[in-house]
Protein backbone atom coordinates (compact mmCIF):
# COMPACT_ATOMS: atom_id res chain seq x y z
CA MET A 1 -137.43 -13.44 -27.20
CA THR A 2 -139.37 -11.47 -29.30
CA VAL A 3 -143.10 -11.08 -29.68
CA THR A 4 -143.43 -13.24 -32.81
CA GLU A 5 -141.22 -15.76 -31.27
CA LEU A 6 -143.63 -16.09 -28.27
CA GLN A 7 -146.55 -16.32 -30.40
CA GLN A 8 -145.01 -19.43 -32.19
CA ALA A 9 -143.74 -20.78 -29.06
CA LEU A 10 -146.89 -20.96 -27.44
CA SER A 11 -149.34 -21.23 -30.48
CA LEU A 12 -150.86 -17.92 -29.39
CA THR A 13 -153.16 -16.30 -32.19
CA PRO A 14 -152.62 -13.06 -33.43
CA VAL A 15 -155.07 -10.29 -33.52
CA ALA A 16 -152.64 -7.42 -34.25
CA VAL A 17 -148.77 -7.52 -34.24
CA PRO A 18 -147.23 -4.30 -35.73
CA GLU A 19 -144.23 -4.94 -33.83
CA GLY A 20 -143.86 -8.44 -33.75
CA ASP A 21 -139.67 -8.13 -33.32
CA ARG A 22 -140.53 -6.17 -29.84
CA GLU A 23 -138.47 -7.65 -26.81
CA VAL A 24 -140.57 -9.55 -24.42
CA GLU A 25 -138.84 -8.96 -20.84
CA GLY A 26 -141.29 -10.42 -17.88
CA VAL A 27 -145.07 -10.99 -17.47
CA TYR A 28 -147.77 -8.76 -15.98
CA ILE A 29 -151.08 -10.12 -15.17
CA GLY A 30 -153.85 -7.74 -14.43
CA ASP A 31 -157.64 -6.51 -15.11
CA LEU A 32 -157.75 -3.38 -13.36
CA LEU A 33 -156.67 -0.96 -16.19
CA SER A 34 -155.51 1.78 -13.61
CA TRP A 35 -153.53 -0.91 -11.55
CA VAL A 36 -152.17 -2.01 -14.64
CA MET A 37 -151.02 1.43 -15.64
CA GLY A 38 -149.31 2.10 -12.82
CA ARG A 39 -147.42 -1.46 -12.21
CA ALA A 40 -146.66 -3.12 -15.62
CA GLN A 41 -143.29 -2.63 -16.61
CA SER A 42 -141.94 -1.98 -20.25
CA GLY A 43 -141.63 -4.94 -22.08
CA ASN A 44 -143.88 -6.95 -19.80
CA VAL A 45 -146.60 -9.28 -21.44
CA TRP A 46 -149.83 -8.27 -19.87
CA LEU A 47 -152.18 -11.11 -19.60
CA THR A 48 -155.79 -10.07 -19.13
CA ILE A 49 -159.35 -10.73 -20.25
CA MET A 50 -160.16 -7.04 -20.59
CA SER A 51 -161.06 -6.57 -24.50
CA ASN A 52 -162.37 -3.08 -24.48
CA VAL A 53 -160.55 -0.13 -26.99
CA ASN A 54 -158.91 1.13 -23.52
CA ILE A 55 -156.68 -1.76 -23.66
CA ALA A 56 -154.47 -0.22 -26.30
CA ALA A 57 -154.18 3.17 -24.69
CA VAL A 58 -153.07 1.32 -21.19
CA ALA A 59 -150.64 -0.86 -23.47
CA THR A 60 -149.36 2.44 -24.67
CA LEU A 61 -148.96 4.22 -21.61
CA SER A 62 -147.26 1.19 -19.76
CA ASP A 63 -145.05 0.35 -22.94
CA VAL A 64 -145.74 -3.62 -22.66
CA ALA A 65 -144.50 -5.63 -25.48
CA CYS A 66 -147.84 -7.44 -26.12
CA ILE A 67 -151.33 -7.78 -24.37
CA LEU A 68 -152.27 -11.52 -24.33
CA LEU A 69 -155.95 -11.86 -24.33
CA CYS A 70 -156.76 -15.47 -22.28
CA GLU A 71 -159.78 -17.44 -22.12
CA GLY A 72 -160.51 -17.38 -25.75
CA VAL A 73 -161.55 -13.69 -25.49
CA VAL A 74 -161.45 -11.98 -28.70
CA PRO A 75 -161.76 -7.93 -29.15
CA GLU A 76 -163.66 -6.30 -31.78
CA GLU A 77 -162.56 -4.86 -34.86
CA THR A 78 -162.40 -1.50 -33.25
CA VAL A 79 -159.72 -2.65 -30.99
CA ARG A 80 -157.98 -4.52 -33.45
CA ALA A 81 -157.65 -1.29 -35.66
CA THR A 82 -156.69 0.95 -32.84
CA ALA A 83 -154.00 -1.51 -31.56
CA GLU A 84 -152.54 -1.51 -35.23
CA THR A 85 -152.84 2.25 -35.34
CA LYS A 86 -150.99 2.50 -32.28
CA GLY A 87 -148.15 -0.21 -32.35
CA VAL A 88 -149.70 -2.20 -30.05
CA ASN A 89 -149.31 -6.19 -30.17
CA ILE A 90 -152.20 -8.28 -29.24
CA LEU A 91 -152.61 -12.09 -29.03
CA THR A 92 -155.28 -14.23 -27.96
CA THR A 93 -155.56 -17.77 -26.43
CA ASP A 94 -157.89 -20.08 -24.89
CA MET A 95 -155.65 -20.72 -21.93
CA THR A 96 -156.49 -19.22 -18.58
CA ALA A 97 -154.29 -16.35 -17.29
CA TYR A 98 -152.70 -19.04 -14.78
CA GLU A 99 -152.03 -21.37 -17.67
CA ALA A 100 -150.62 -18.77 -19.65
CA ALA A 101 -148.45 -17.52 -16.72
CA LYS A 102 -147.19 -20.97 -15.94
CA ARG A 103 -146.33 -21.58 -19.77
CA LEU A 104 -144.44 -18.26 -19.77
CA ALA A 105 -142.43 -19.08 -16.46
CA GLU A 106 -141.24 -22.17 -18.33
CA LEU A 107 -139.80 -20.14 -21.33
CA GLY A 108 -138.08 -18.08 -18.48
CA LEU A 109 -140.03 -15.08 -18.46
């Protein structure tokens, strides 16, 4: 499943989707950026509530397929612009991380 297909399947709101054809291959949930850098896998959907500009750098370093901001978190414009520049996909949802993870599991992730 691609990021764009995931967005459509769960009715997620796009913030930045410069690489919508990126394949999604698992899920990682975490808010401690250094922990995510060391543990998230390439191709994961990263569920978080963190919304500062550092999430784009962490996503790039860990090569996640996309960031899914939960609980209605919407990043500032600078985060969106940085994500577009770095090729980082960011989506947002009103679901909690638990609810989002449950829905992702139902999709086979």
